[in-house]
PDB file of N, CA and C in Angstrom:
ATOM      1  N   UNK A   1      25.788  92.695  47.888  1.00  0.00           N
ATOM      2  CA  UNK A   1      26.756  93.755  48.114  1.00  0.00           C
ATOM      3  C   UNK A   1      26.828  94.053  49.604  1.00  0.00           C
ATOM      4  N   UNK A   2      28.027  94.166  50.132  1.00  0.00           N
ATOM      5  CA  UNK A   2      28.222  94.390  51.559  1.00  0.00           C
ATOM      6  C   UNK A   2      28.014  95.853  51.903  1.00  0.00           C
ATOM      7  N   UNK A   3      27.498  96.070  53.112  1.00  0.00           N
ATOM      8  CA  UNK A   3      27.370  97.443  53.583  1.00  0.00           C
ATOM      9  C   UNK A   3      28.739  97.928  54.065  1.00  0.00           C
ATOM     10  N   UNK A   4      28.845  99.236  54.279  1.00  0.00           N
ATOM     11  CA  UNK A   4      30.132  99.783  54.707  1.00  0.00           C
ATOM     12  C   UNK A   4      30.498  99.304  56.108  1.00  0.00           C
ATOM     13  N   UNK A   5      29.487  99.063  56.952  1.00  0.00           N
ATOM     14  CA  UNK A   5      29.767  98.578  58.306  1.00  0.00           C
ATOM     15  C   UNK A   5      30.353  97.172  58.239  1.00  0.00           C
ATOM     16  N   UNK A   6      29.764  96.289  57.391  1.00  0.00           N
ATOM     17  CA  UNK A   6      30.275  94.925  57.264  1.00  0.00           C
ATOM     18  C   UNK A   6      31.683  94.916  56.704  1.00  0.00           C
ATOM     19  N   UNK A   7      31.958  95.754  55.701  1.00  0.00           N
ATOM     20  CA  UNK A   7      33.297  95.756  55.101  1.00  0.00           C
ATOM     21  C   UNK A   7      34.318  96.326  56.077  1.00  0.00           C
ATOM     22  N   UNK A   8      33.923  97.350  56.878  1.00  0.00           N
ATOM     23  CA  UNK A   8      34.839  97.880  57.873  1.00  0.00           C
ATOM     24  C   UNK A   8      35.112  96.831  58.944  1.00  0.00           C
ATOM     25  N   UNK A   9      34.054  96.160  59.379  1.00  0.00           N
ATOM     26  CA  UNK A   9      34.215  95.126  60.390  1.00  0.00           C
ATOM     27  C   UNK A   9      35.083  94.006  59.856  1.00  0.00           C
ATOM     28  N   UNK A  10      34.844  93.631  58.604  1.00  0.00           N
ATOM     29  CA  UNK A  10      35.638  92.570  57.998  1.00  0.00           C
ATOM     30  C   UNK A  10      37.095  93.002  57.880  1.00  0.00           C
ATOM     31  N   UNK A  11      37.313  94.233  57.482  1.00  0.00           N
ATOM     32  CA  UNK A  11      38.679  94.753  57.382  1.00  0.00           C
ATOM     33  C   UNK A  11      39.343  94.832  58.735  1.00  0.00           C
ATOM     34  N   UNK A  12      38.586  95.255  59.735  1.00  0.00           N
ATOM     35  CA  UNK A  12      39.117  95.329  61.091  1.00  0.00           C
ATOM     36  C   UNK A  12      39.417  93.934  61.624  1.00  0.00           C
ATOM     37  N   UNK A  13      38.528  92.973  61.325  1.00  0.00           N
ATOM     38  CA  UNK A  13      38.777  91.589  61.746  1.00  0.00           C
ATOM     39  C   UNK A  13      40.045  91.052  61.108  1.00  0.00           C
ATOM     40  N   UNK A  14      40.232  91.339  59.834  1.00  0.00           N
ATOM     41  CA  UNK A  14      41.446  90.875  59.150  1.00  0.00           C
ATOM     42  C   UNK A  14      42.692  91.488  59.790  1.00  0.00           C
ATOM     43  N   UNK A  15      42.611  92.750  60.145  1.00  0.00           N
ATOM     44  CA  UNK A  15      43.751  93.406  60.785  1.00  0.00           C
ATOM     45  C   UNK A  15      44.034  92.773  62.148  1.00  0.00           C
ATOM     46  N   UNK A  16      42.970  92.479  62.896  1.00  0.00           N
ATOM     47  CA  UNK A  16      43.154  91.839  64.208  1.00  0.00           C
ATOM     48  C   UNK A  16      43.767  90.455  64.060  1.00  0.00           C
ATOM     49  N   UNK A  17      43.355  89.717  63.045  1.00  0.00           N
ATOM     50  CA  UNK A  17      43.933  88.382  62.814  1.00  0.00           C
ATOM     51  C   UNK A  17      45.412  88.504  62.478  1.00  0.00           C
ATOM     52  N   UNK A  18      45.748  89.497  61.661  1.00  0.00           N
ATOM     53  CA  UNK A  18      47.165  89.714  61.323  1.00  0.00           C
ATOM     54  C   UNK A  18      47.953  90.067  62.578  1.00  0.00           C
ATOM     55  N   UNK A  19      47.384  90.900  63.439  1.00  0.00           N
ATOM     56  CA  UNK A  19      48.061  91.270  64.692  1.00  0.00           C
ATOM     57  C   UNK A  19      48.251  90.037  65.567  1.00  0.00           C
ATOM     58  N   UNK A  20      47.227  89.199  65.668  1.00  0.00           N
ATOM     59  CA  UNK A  20      47.332  87.991  66.492  1.00  0.00           C
ATOM     60  C   UNK A  20      48.409  87.060  65.953  1.00  0.00           C
ATOM     61  N   UNK A  21      48.449  86.881  64.650  1.00  0.00           N
ATOM     62  CA  UNK A  21      49.486  86.029  64.040  1.00  0.00           C
ATOM     63  C   UNK A  21      50.865  86.629  64.283  1.00  0.00           C
ATOM     64  N   UNK A  22      50.978  87.946  64.135  1.00  0.00           N
ATOM     65  CA  UNK A  22      52.265  88.610  64.371  1.00  0.00           C
ATOM     66  C   UNK A  22      52.701  88.436  65.829  1.00  0.00           C
ATOM     67  N   UNK A  23      51.750  88.520  66.755  1.00  0.00           N
ATOM     68  CA  UNK A  23      52.094  88.304  68.170  1.00  0.00           C
ATOM     69  C   UNK A  23      52.634  86.901  68.408  1.00  0.00           C
ATOM     70  N   UNK A  24      51.972  85.907  67.837  1.00  0.00           N
ATOM     71  CA  UNK A  24      52.422  84.525  68.032  1.00  0.00           C
ATOM     72  C   UNK A  24      53.798  84.320  67.402  1.00  0.00           C
ATOM     73  N   UNK A  25      53.987  84.816  66.188  1.00  0.00           N
ATOM     74  CA  UNK A  25      55.298  84.673  65.541  1.00  0.00           C
ATOM     75  C   UNK A  25      56.379  85.420  66.322  1.00  0.00           C
ATOM     76  N   UNK A  26      56.033  86.604  66.844  1.00  0.00           N
ATOM     77  CA  UNK A  26      56.983  87.352  67.664  1.00  0.00           C
ATOM     78  C   UNK A  26      57.319  86.615  68.950  1.00  0.00           C
ATOM     79  N   UNK A  27      56.316  85.967  69.538  1.00  0.00           N
ATOM     80  CA  UNK A  27      56.557  85.199  70.765  1.00  0.00           C
ATOM     81  C   UNK A  27      57.490  84.026  70.492  1.00  0.00           C
ATOM     82  N   UNK A  28      57.282  83.357  69.371  1.00  0.00           N
ATOM     83  CA  UNK A  28      58.161  82.232  69.021  1.00  0.00           C
ATOM     84  C   UNK A  28      59.581  82.723  68.763  1.00  0.00           C
ATOM     85  N   UNK A  29      59.687  83.838  68.034  1.00  0.00           N
ATOM     86  CA  UNK A  29      61.013  84.400  67.764  1.00  0.00           C
ATOM     87  C   UNK A  29      61.688  84.823  69.071  1.00  0.00           C
ATOM     88  N   UNK A  30      60.932  85.452  69.969  1.00  0.00           N
ATOM     89  CA  UNK A  30      61.486  85.867  71.255  1.00  0.00           C
ATOM     90  C   UNK A  30      61.909  84.678  72.101  1.00  0.00           C
ATOM     91  N   UNK A  31      61.136  83.603  72.037  1.00  0.00           N
ATOM     92  CA  UNK A  31      61.478  82.396  72.776  1.00  0.00           C
ATOM     93  C   UNK A  31      62.851  81.887  72.350  1.00  0.00           C
ATOM     94  N   UNK A  32      63.111  81.920  71.058  1.00  0.00           N
ATOM     95  CA  UNK A  32      64.415  81.439  70.568  1.00  0.00           C
ATOM     96  C   UNK A  32      65.513  82.490  70.738  1.00  0.00           C
ATOM     97  N   UNK A  33      65.147  83.757  70.594  1.00  0.00           N
ATOM     98  CA  UNK A  33      66.144  84.826  70.724  1.00  0.00           C
ATOM     99  C   UNK A  33      66.724  84.864  72.137  1.00  0.00           C
ATOM    100  N   UNK A  34      65.870  84.669  73.126  1.00  0.00           N
ATOM    101  CA  UNK A  34      66.314  84.686  74.514  1.00  0.00           C
ATOM    102  C   UNK A  34      66.636  83.268  74.997  1.00  0.00           C
ATOM    103  N   UNK A  35      67.297  82.496  74.171  1.00  0.00           N
ATOM    104  CA  UNK A  35      67.634  81.118  74.485  1.00  0.00           C
ATOM    105  C   UNK A  35      68.536  80.949  75.695  1.00  0.00           C
ATOM    106  N   UNK A  36      69.273  82.007  76.066  1.00  0.00           N
ATOM    107  CA  UNK A  36      70.174  81.912  77.220  1.00  0.00           C
ATOM    108  C   UNK A  36      69.446  82.125  78.544  1.00  0.00           C
ATOM    109  N   UNK A  37      68.234  82.653  78.485  1.00  0.00           N
ATOM    110  CA  UNK A  37      67.454  82.896  79.702  1.00  0.00           C
ATOM    111  C   UNK A  37      66.876  81.579  80.216  1.00  0.00           C
ATOM    112  N   UNK A  38      66.490  81.520  81.489  1.00  0.00           N
ATOM    113  CA  UNK A  38      65.903  80.285  82.032  1.00  0.00           C
ATOM    114  C   UNK A  38      64.644  79.877  81.260  1.00  0.00           C
ATOM    115  N   UNK A  39      64.487  78.590  81.080  1.00  0.00           N
ATOM    116  CA  UNK A  39      63.380  78.059  80.299  1.00  0.00           C
ATOM    117  C   UNK A  39      62.026  78.475  80.883  1.00  0.00           C
ATOM    118  N   UNK A  40      61.922  78.522  82.203  1.00  0.00           N
ATOM    119  CA  UNK A  40      60.666  78.894  82.845  1.00  0.00           C
ATOM    120  C   UNK A  40      60.211  80.279  82.388  1.00  0.00           C
ATOM    121  N   UNK A  41      61.114  81.249  82.377  1.00  0.00           N
ATOM    122  CA  UNK A  41      60.755  82.614  81.981  1.00  0.00           C
ATOM    123  C   UNK A  41      60.382  82.674  80.505  1.00  0.00           C
ATOM    124  N   UNK A  42      61.102  81.929  79.690  1.00  0.00           N
ATOM    125  CA  UNK A  42      60.800  81.921  78.258  1.00  0.00           C
ATOM    126  C   UNK A  42      59.423  81.332  77.997  1.00  0.00           C
ATOM    127  N   UNK A  43      59.102  80.227  78.684  1.00  0.00           N
ATOM    128  CA  UNK A  43      57.799  79.589  78.498  1.00  0.00           C
ATOM    129  C   UNK A  43      56.688  80.495  79.011  1.00  0.00           C
ATOM    130  N   UNK A  44      56.884  81.107  80.174  1.00  0.00           N
ATOM    131  CA  UNK A  44      55.867  82.018  80.707  1.00  0.00           C
ATOM    132  C   UNK A  44      55.641  83.199  79.773  1.00  0.00           C
ATOM    133  N   UNK A  45      56.709  83.746  79.230  1.00  0.00           N
ATOM    134  CA  UNK A  45      56.574  84.844  78.268  1.00  0.00           C
ATOM    135  C   UNK A  45      55.835  84.402  77.011  1.00  0.00           C
ATOM    136  N   UNK A  46      56.184  83.227  76.524  1.00  0.00           N
ATOM    137  CA  UNK A  46      55.521  82.691  75.339  1.00  0.00           C
ATOM    138  C   UNK A  46      54.024  82.503  75.607  1.00  0.00           C
ATOM    139  N   UNK A  47      53.687  81.915  76.749  1.00  0.00           N
ATOM    140  CA  UNK A  47      52.285  81.695  77.085  1.00  0.00           C
ATOM    141  C   UNK A  47      51.528  83.010  77.250  1.00  0.00           C
ATOM    142  N   UNK A  48      52.173  84.007  77.842  1.00  0.00           N
ATOM    143  CA  UNK A  48      51.519  85.304  78.036  1.00  0.00           C
ATOM    144  C   UNK A  48      51.199  85.961  76.695  1.00  0.00           C
ATOM    145  N   UNK A  49      52.141  85.917  75.781  1.00  0.00           N
ATOM    146  CA  UNK A  49      51.916  86.545  74.480  1.00  0.00           C
ATOM    147  C   UNK A  49      50.896  85.753  73.668  1.00  0.00           C
ATOM    148  N   UNK A  50      50.939  84.434  73.746  1.00  0.00           N
ATOM    149  CA  UNK A  50      49.938  83.621  73.042  1.00  0.00           C
ATOM    150  C   UNK A  50      48.548  83.881  73.626  1.00  0.00           C
ATOM    151  N   UNK A  51      48.451  84.072  74.935  1.00  0.00           N
ATOM    152  CA  UNK A  51      47.165  84.403  75.553  1.00  0.00           C
ATOM    153  C   UNK A  51      46.678  85.764  75.057  1.00  0.00           C
ATOM    154  N   UNK A  52      47.591  86.713  74.932  1.00  0.00           N
ATOM    155  CA  UNK A  52      47.218  88.028  74.409  1.00  0.00           C
ATOM    156  C   UNK A  52      46.738  87.906  72.960  1.00  0.00           C
ATOM    157  N   UNK A  53      47.420  87.091  72.172  1.00  0.00           N
ATOM    158  CA  UNK A  53      46.992  86.872  70.788  1.00  0.00           C
ATOM    159  C   UNK A  53      45.617  86.217  70.750  1.00  0.00           C
ATOM    160  N   UNK A  54      45.382  85.281  71.663  1.00  0.00           N
ATOM    161  CA  UNK A  54      44.058  84.668  71.753  1.00  0.00           C
ATOM    162  C   UNK A  54      42.996  85.693  72.112  1.00  0.00           C
ATOM    163  N   UNK A  55      43.334  86.601  73.017  1.00  0.00           N
ATOM    164  CA  UNK A  55      42.408  87.668  73.372  1.00  0.00           C
ATOM    165  C   UNK A  55      42.078  88.556  72.185  1.00  0.00           C
ATOM    166  N   UNK A  56      43.090  88.868  71.381  1.00  0.00           N
ATOM    167  CA  UNK A  56      42.848  89.658  70.177  1.00  0.00           C
ATOM    168  C   UNK A  56      41.959  88.883  69.211  1.00  0.00           C
ATOM    169  N   UNK A  57      42.235  87.589  69.069  1.00  0.00           N
ATOM    170  CA  UNK A  57      41.423  86.766  68.161  1.00  0.00           C
ATOM    171  C   UNK A  57      39.972  86.675  68.624  1.00  0.00           C
ATOM    172  N   UNK A  58      39.755  86.668  69.934  1.00  0.00           N
ATOM    173  CA  UNK A  58      38.388  86.542  70.445  1.00  0.00           C
ATOM    174  C   UNK A  58      37.539  87.769  70.149  1.00  0.00           C
ATOM    175  N   UNK A  59      38.162  88.865  69.763  1.00  0.00           N
ATOM    176  CA  UNK A  59      37.398  90.062  69.424  1.00  0.00           C
ATOM    177  C   UNK A  59      36.973  90.069  67.958  1.00  0.00           C
ATOM    178  N   UNK A  60      37.358  89.046  67.201  1.00  0.00           N
ATOM    179  CA  UNK A  60      36.964  88.966  65.788  1.00  0.00           C
ATOM    180  C   UNK A  60      35.725  88.087  65.644  1.00  0.00           C
ATOM    181  N   UNK A  61      35.094  88.179  64.488  1.00  0.00           N
ATOM    182  CA  UNK A  61      33.920  87.348  64.215  1.00  0.00           C
ATOM    183  C   UNK A  61      34.311  85.873  64.202  1.00  0.00           C
ATOM    184  N   UNK A  62      35.468  85.559  63.648  1.00  0.00           N
ATOM    185  CA  UNK A  62      35.928  84.172  63.609  1.00  0.00           C
ATOM    186  C   UNK A  62      36.188  83.651  65.022  1.00  0.00           C
ATOM    187  N   UNK A  63      36.771  84.472  65.871  1.00  0.00           N
ATOM    188  CA  UNK A  63      37.024  84.078  67.248  1.00  0.00           C
ATOM    189  C   UNK A  63      35.729  83.839  68.008  1.00  0.00           C
ATOM    190  N   UNK A  64      34.739  84.682  67.773  1.00  0.00           N
ATOM    191  CA  UNK A  64      33.443  84.502  68.414  1.00  0.00           C
ATOM    192  C   UNK A  64      32.764  83.227  67.927  1.00  0.00           C
ATOM    193  N   UNK A  65      32.931  82.909  66.640  1.00  0.00           N
ATOM    194  CA  UNK A  65      32.353  81.669  66.099  1.00  0.00           C
ATOM    195  C   UNK A  65      33.006  80.449  66.741  1.00  0.00           C
ATOM    196  N   UNK A  66      34.316  80.490  66.921  1.00  0.00           N
ATOM    197  CA  UNK A  66      35.017  79.384  67.567  1.00  0.00           C
ATOM    198  C   UNK A  66      34.550  79.241  69.018  1.00  0.00           C
ATOM    199  N   UNK A  67      34.369  80.360  69.704  1.00  0.00           N
ATOM    200  CA  UNK A  67      33.914  80.327  71.088  1.00  0.00           C
ATOM    201  C   UNK A  67      32.509  79.729  71.183  1.00  0.00           C
ATOM    202  N   UNK A  68      31.627  80.127  70.282  1.00  0.00           N
ATOM    203  CA  UNK A  68      30.267  79.575  70.285  1.00  0.00           C
ATOM    204  C   UNK A  68      30.293  78.075  69.995  1.00  0.00           C
ATOM    205  N   UNK A  69      31.163  77.656  69.083  1.00  0.00           N
ATOM    206  CA  UNK A  69      31.295  76.229  68.780  1.00  0.00           C
ATOM    207  C   UNK A  69      31.783  75.460  70.007  1.00  0.00           C
ATOM    208  N   UNK A  70      32.748  76.023  70.717  1.00  0.00           N
ATOM    209  CA  UNK A  70      33.276  75.363  71.921  1.00  0.00           C
ATOM    210  C   UNK A  70      32.189  75.251  72.995  1.00  0.00           C
ATOM    211  N   UNK A  71      31.396  76.284  73.157  1.00  0.00           N
ATOM    212  CA  UNK A  71      30.311  76.242  74.144  1.00  0.00           C
ATOM    213  C   UNK A  71      29.266  75.204  73.761  1.00  0.00           C
ATOM    214  N   UNK A  72      28.919  75.150  72.477  1.00  0.00           N
ATOM    215  CA  UNK A  72      27.932  74.162  72.017  1.00  0.00           C
ATOM    216  C   UNK A  72      28.489  72.743  72.173  1.00  0.00           C
ATOM    217  N   UNK A  73      29.763  72.573  71.915  1.00  0.00           N
ATOM    218  CA  UNK A  73      30.385  71.253  72.074  1.00  0.00           C
ATOM    219  C   UNK A  73      30.355  70.823  73.534  1.00  0.00           C
ATOM    220  N   UNK A  74      30.597  71.748  74.424  1.00  0.00           N
ATOM    221  CA  UNK A  74      30.567  71.424  75.854  1.00  0.00           C
ATOM    222  C   UNK A  74      29.155  71.023  76.281  1.00  0.00           C
ATOM    223  N   UNK A  75      28.152  71.705  75.756  1.00  0.00           N
ATOM    224  CA  UNK A  75      26.771  71.343  76.076  1.00  0.00           C
ATOM    225  C   UNK A  75      26.440  69.946  75.565  1.00  0.00           C
ATOM    226  N   UNK A  76      26.904  69.624  74.370  1.00  0.00           N
ATOM    227  CA  UNK A  76      26.655  68.292  73.816  1.00  0.00           C
ATOM    228  C   UNK A  76      27.385  67.220  74.622  1.00  0.00           C
ATOM    229  N   UNK A  77      28.574  67.541  75.093  1.00  0.00           N
ATOM    230  CA  UNK A  77      29.343  66.592  75.889  1.00  0.00           C
ATOM    231  C   UNK A  77      28.629  66.260  77.192  1.00  0.00           C
ATOM    232  N   UNK A  78      27.913  67.219  77.744  1.00  0.00           N
ATOM    233  CA  UNK A  78      27.168  66.980  78.975  1.00  0.00           C
ATOM    234  C   UNK A  78      25.992  66.035  78.743  1.00  0.00           C
ATOM    235  N   UNK A  79      25.537  65.924  77.502  1.00  0.00           N
ATOM    236  CA  UNK A  79      24.394  65.061  77.189  1.00  0.00           C
ATOM    237  C   UNK A  79      24.798  63.599  76.998  1.00  0.00           C
ATOM    238  N   UNK A  80      26.088  63.338  76.906  1.00  0.00           N
ATOM    239  CA  UNK A  80      26.570  61.978  76.670  1.00  0.00           C
ATOM    240  C   UNK A  80      26.282  61.109  77.887  1.00  0.00           C
ATOM    241  N   UNK A  81      25.793  59.908  77.642  1.00  0.00           N
ATOM    242  CA  UNK A  81      25.568  58.949  78.725  1.00  0.00           C
ATOM    243  C   UNK A  81      26.805  58.053  78.780  1.00  0.00           C
ATOM    244  N   UNK A  82      27.591  58.237  79.810  1.00  0.00           N
ATOM    245  CA  UNK A  82      28.832  57.497  79.937  1.00  0.00           C
ATOM    246  C   UNK A  82      28.559  56.122  80.546  1.00  0.00           C
ATOM    247  N   UNK A  83      29.302  55.095  80.105  1.00  0.00           N
ATOM    248  CA  UNK A  83      29.089  53.751  80.660  1.00  0.00           C
ATOM    249  C   UNK A  83      29.561  53.686  82.109  1.00  0.00           C
ATOM    250  N   UNK A  84      28.908  52.801  82.873  1.00  0.00           N
ATOM    251  CA  UNK A  84      29.344  52.634  84.263  1.00  0.00           C
ATOM    252  C   UNK A  84      30.536  51.680  84.299  1.00  0.00           C
ATOM    253  N   UNK A  85      31.040  51.423  85.470  1.00  0.00           N
ATOM    254  CA  UNK A  85      32.253  50.604  85.622  1.00  0.00           C
ATOM    255  C   UNK A  85      32.050  49.195  85.083  1.00  0.00           C
ATOM    256  N   UNK A  86      30.899  48.581  85.390  1.00  0.00           N
ATOM    257  CA  UNK A  86      30.640  47.206  84.949  1.00  0.00           C
ATOM    258  C   UNK A  86      30.583  47.130  83.418  1.00  0.00           C
ATOM    259  N   UNK A  87      29.901  48.072  82.791  1.00  0.00           N
ATOM    260  CA  UNK A  87      29.822  48.074  81.326  1.00  0.00           C
ATOM    261  C   UNK A  87      31.205  48.273  80.700  1.00  0.00           C
ATOM    262  N   UNK A  88      32.005  49.134  81.310  1.00  0.00           N
ATOM    263  CA  UNK A  88      33.347  49.382  80.797  1.00  0.00           C
ATOM    264  C   UNK A  88      34.215  48.130  80.904  1.00  0.00           C
ATOM    265  N   UNK A  89      34.156  47.448  82.035  1.00  0.00           N
ATOM    266  CA  UNK A  89      34.950  46.228  82.214  1.00  0.00           C
ATOM    267  C   UNK A  89      34.489  45.126  81.262  1.00  0.00           C
ATOM    268  N   UNK A  90      33.174  44.973  81.083  1.00  0.00           N
ATOM    269  CA  UNK A  90      32.665  43.947  80.169  1.00  0.00           C
ATOM    270  C   UNK A  90      33.100  44.234  78.734  1.00  0.00           C
ATOM    271  N   UNK A  91      32.998  45.469  78.323  1.00  0.00           N
ATOM    272  CA  UNK A  91      33.403  45.829  76.968  1.00  0.00           C
ATOM    273  C   UNK A  91      34.894  45.623  76.769  1.00  0.00           C
ATOM    274  N   UNK A  92      35.687  45.986  77.760  1.00  0.00           N
ATOM    275  CA  UNK A  92      37.136  45.783  77.680  1.00  0.00           C
ATOM    276  C   UNK A  92      37.472  44.306  77.581  1.00  0.00           C
ATOM    277  N   UNK A  93      36.796  43.479  78.352  1.00  0.00           N
ATOM    278  CA  UNK A  93      37.028  42.039  78.308  1.00  0.00           C
ATOM    279  C   UNK A  93      36.666  41.469  76.936  1.00  0.00           C
ATOM    280  N   UNK A  94      35.548  41.900  76.384  1.00  0.00           N
ATOM    281  CA  UNK A  94      35.141  41.427  75.062  1.00  0.00           C
ATOM    282  C   UNK A  94      36.173  41.825  74.010  1.00  0.00           C
ATOM    283  N   UNK A  95      36.647  43.052  74.075  1.00  0.00           N
ATOM    284  CA  UNK A  95      37.665  43.503  73.121  1.00  0.00           C
ATOM    285  C   UNK A  95      38.938  42.684  73.280  1.00  0.00           C
ATOM    286  N   UNK A  96      39.363  42.449  74.506  1.00  0.00           N
ATOM    287  CA  UNK A  96      40.581  41.673  74.748  1.00  0.00           C
ATOM    288  C   UNK A  96      40.446  40.255  74.200  1.00  0.00           C
ATOM    289  N   UNK A  97      39.319  39.600  74.462  1.00  0.00           N
ATOM    290  CA  UNK A  97      39.102  38.238  73.967  1.00  0.00           C
ATOM    291  C   UNK A  97      39.104  38.217  72.446  1.00  0.00           C
ATOM    292  N   UNK A  98      38.451  39.193  71.827  1.00  0.00           N
ATOM    293  CA  UNK A  98      38.403  39.226  70.363  1.00  0.00           C
ATOM    294  C   UNK A  98      39.795  39.460  69.773  1.00  0.00           C
ATOM    295  N   UNK A  99      40.593  40.289  70.411  1.00  0.00           N
ATOM    296  CA  UNK A  99      41.957  40.522  69.929  1.00  0.00           C
ATOM    297  C   UNK A  99      42.764  39.234  70.001  1.00  0.00           C
ATOM    298  N   UNK A 100      42.634  38.482  71.087  1.00  0.00           N
ATOM    299  CA  UNK A 100      43.349  37.213  71.222  1.00  0.00           C
ATOM    300  C   UNK A 100      42.874  36.222  70.157  1.00  0.00           C
ATOM    301  N   UNK A 101      41.570  36.122  69.947  1.00  0.00           N
ATOM    302  CA  UNK A 101      41.038  35.191  68.939  1.00  0.00           C
ATOM    303  C   UNK A 101      41.498  35.555  67.531  1.00  0.00           C
ATOM    304  N   UNK A 102      41.445  36.827  67.203  1.00  0.00           N
ATOM    305  CA  UNK A 102      41.905  37.250  65.868  1.00  0.00           C
ATOM    306  C   UNK A 102      43.401  37.015  65.730  1.00  0.00           C
ATOM    307  N   UNK A 103      44.171  37.262  66.780  1.00  0.00           N
ATOM    308  CA  UNK A 103      45.614  37.010  66.720  1.00  0.00           C
ATOM    309  C   UNK A 103      45.897  35.527  66.490  1.00  0.00           C
ATOM    310  N   UNK A 104      45.174  34.650  67.190  1.00  0.00           N
ATOM    311  CA  UNK A 104      45.345  33.209  66.973  1.00  0.00           C
ATOM    312  C   UNK A 104      44.964  32.810  65.550  1.00  0.00           C
ATOM    313  N   UNK A 105      43.865  33.339  65.067  1.00  0.00           N
ATOM    314  CA  UNK A 105      43.435  33.026  63.706  1.00  0.00           C
ATOM    315  C   UNK A 105      44.478  33.476  62.685  1.00  0.00           C
ATOM    316  N   UNK A 106      44.977  34.699  62.833  1.00  0.00           N
ATOM    317  CA  UNK A 106      45.982  35.184  61.882  1.00  0.00           C
ATOM    318  C   UNK A 106      47.283  34.403  61.995  1.00  0.00           C
ATOM    319  N   UNK A 107      47.635  33.964  63.207  1.00  0.00           N
ATOM    320  CA  UNK A 107      48.837  33.145  63.373  1.00  0.00           C
ATOM    321  C   UNK A 107      48.666  31.818  62.638  1.00  0.00           C
ATOM    322  N   UNK A 108      47.477  31.202  62.768  1.00  0.00           N
ATOM    323  CA  UNK A 108      47.220  29.941  62.062  1.00  0.00           C
ATOM    324  C   UNK A 108      47.233  30.133  60.548  1.00  0.00           C
ATOM    325  N   UNK A 109      46.622  31.208  60.071  1.00  0.00           N
ATOM    326  CA  UNK A 109      46.627  31.483  58.627  1.00  0.00           C
ATOM    327  C   UNK A 109      48.050  31.673  58.145  1.00  0.00           C
ATOM    328  N   UNK A 110      48.864  32.412  58.888  1.00  0.00           N
ATOM    329  CA  UNK A 110      50.254  32.623  58.512  1.00  0.00           C
ATOM    330  C   UNK A 110      51.024  31.309  58.518  1.00  0.00           C
ATOM    331  N   UNK A 111      50.794  30.483  59.536  1.00  0.00           N
ATOM    332  CA  UNK A 111      51.466  29.190  59.637  1.00  0.00           C
ATOM    333  C   UNK A 111      51.104  28.292  58.454  1.00  0.00           C
ATOM    334  N   UNK A 112      49.813  28.223  58.142  1.00  0.00           N
ATOM    335  CA  UNK A 112      49.370  27.388  57.025  1.00  0.00           C
ATOM    336  C   UNK A 112      49.841  27.937  55.692  1.00  0.00           C
ATOM    337  N   UNK A 113      49.797  29.266  55.537  1.00  0.00           N
ATOM    338  CA  UNK A 113      50.267  29.864  54.287  1.00  0.00           C
ATOM    339  C   UNK A 113      51.762  29.618  54.109  1.00  0.00           C
ATOM    340  N   UNK A 114      52.531  29.764  55.178  1.00  0.00           N
ATOM    341  CA  UNK A 114      53.972  29.496  55.094  1.00  0.00           C
ATOM    342  C   UNK A 114      54.253  28.047  54.749  1.00  0.00           C
ATOM    343  N   UNK A 115      53.493  27.133  55.382  1.00  0.00           N
ATOM    344  CA  UNK A 115      53.673  25.710  55.083  1.00  0.00           C
ATOM    345  C   UNK A 115      53.292  25.417  53.635  1.00  0.00           C
ATOM    346  N   UNK A 116      52.171  25.964  53.168  1.00  0.00           N
ATOM    347  CA  UNK A 116      51.722  25.718  51.802  1.00  0.00           C
ATOM    348  C   UNK A 116      52.680  26.270  50.766  1.00  0.00           C
ATOM    349  N   UNK A 117      53.158  27.483  50.989  1.00  0.00           N
ATOM    350  CA  UNK A 117      54.099  28.083  50.039  1.00  0.00           C
ATOM    351  C   UNK A 117      55.412  27.326  50.057  1.00  0.00           C
ATOM    352  N   UNK A 118      55.827  26.899  51.255  1.00  0.00           N
ATOM    353  CA  UNK A 118      57.056  26.089  51.347  1.00  0.00           C
ATOM    354  C   UNK A 118      56.915  24.790  50.575  1.00  0.00           C
ATOM    355  N   UNK A 119      55.754  24.155  50.622  1.00  0.00           N
ATOM    356  CA  UNK A 119      55.520  22.909  49.872  1.00  0.00           C
ATOM    357  C   UNK A 119      55.538  23.183  48.373  1.00  0.00           C
ATOM    358  N   UNK A 120      54.959  24.314  47.965  1.00  0.00           N
ATOM    359  CA  UNK A 120      54.889  24.634  46.525  1.00  0.00           C
ATOM    360  C   UNK A 120      56.276  24.895  45.964  1.00  0.00           C
ATOM    361  N   UNK A 121      57.116  25.612  46.688  1.00  0.00           N
ATOM    362  CA  UNK A 121      58.440  25.928  46.130  1.00  0.00           C
ATOM    363  C   UNK A 121      59.495  24.893  46.495  1.00  0.00           C
ATOM    364  N   UNK A 122      59.096  23.861  47.188  1.00  0.00           N
ATOM    365  CA  UNK A 122      59.973  22.743  47.409  1.00  0.00           C
ATOM    366  C   UNK A 122      60.784  22.785  48.687  1.00  0.00           C
ATOM    367  N   UNK A 123      60.466  23.675  49.616  1.00  0.00           N
ATOM    368  CA  UNK A 123      61.223  23.737  50.856  1.00  0.00           C
ATOM    369  C   UNK A 123      60.771  22.674  51.846  1.00  0.00           C
ATOM    370  N   UNK A 124      59.541  22.174  51.700  1.00  0.00           N
ATOM    371  CA  UNK A 124      59.016  21.239  52.657  1.00  0.00           C
ATOM    372  C   UNK A 124      59.206  19.787  52.255  1.00  0.00           C
ATOM    373  N   UNK A 125      59.946  19.515  51.207  1.00  0.00           N
ATOM    374  CA  UNK A 125      60.117  18.145  50.732  1.00  0.00           C
ATOM    375  C   UNK A 125      61.125  17.404  51.563  1.00  0.00           C
TER     376      UNK A 125
END
């Protein structure tokens, strides 16, 4: 059973999410409503309202969870050992050679299959 603080927080979070969604939908509607205005102003207005909606979302538990996930992902990305230039070029060359070999093999299979089917149905006689 939830405590009153958790249910109030949950209710408040739901209200904030609804407000954020309403802001984004309003920004999209405004972007189209002011279609005669310069595109730059419409885009800037849209971005400003979407940023405000993001700010509202960041005050919710779900927004905080997304932020923590993004921070953890960034930390994990820093742990990645990226290949150096030589390793990248060697891997690219191997992939290119394999693509050419597989393409040649499939071309030969197609050629032989076409010839065989043509012989079976009488086109190659």
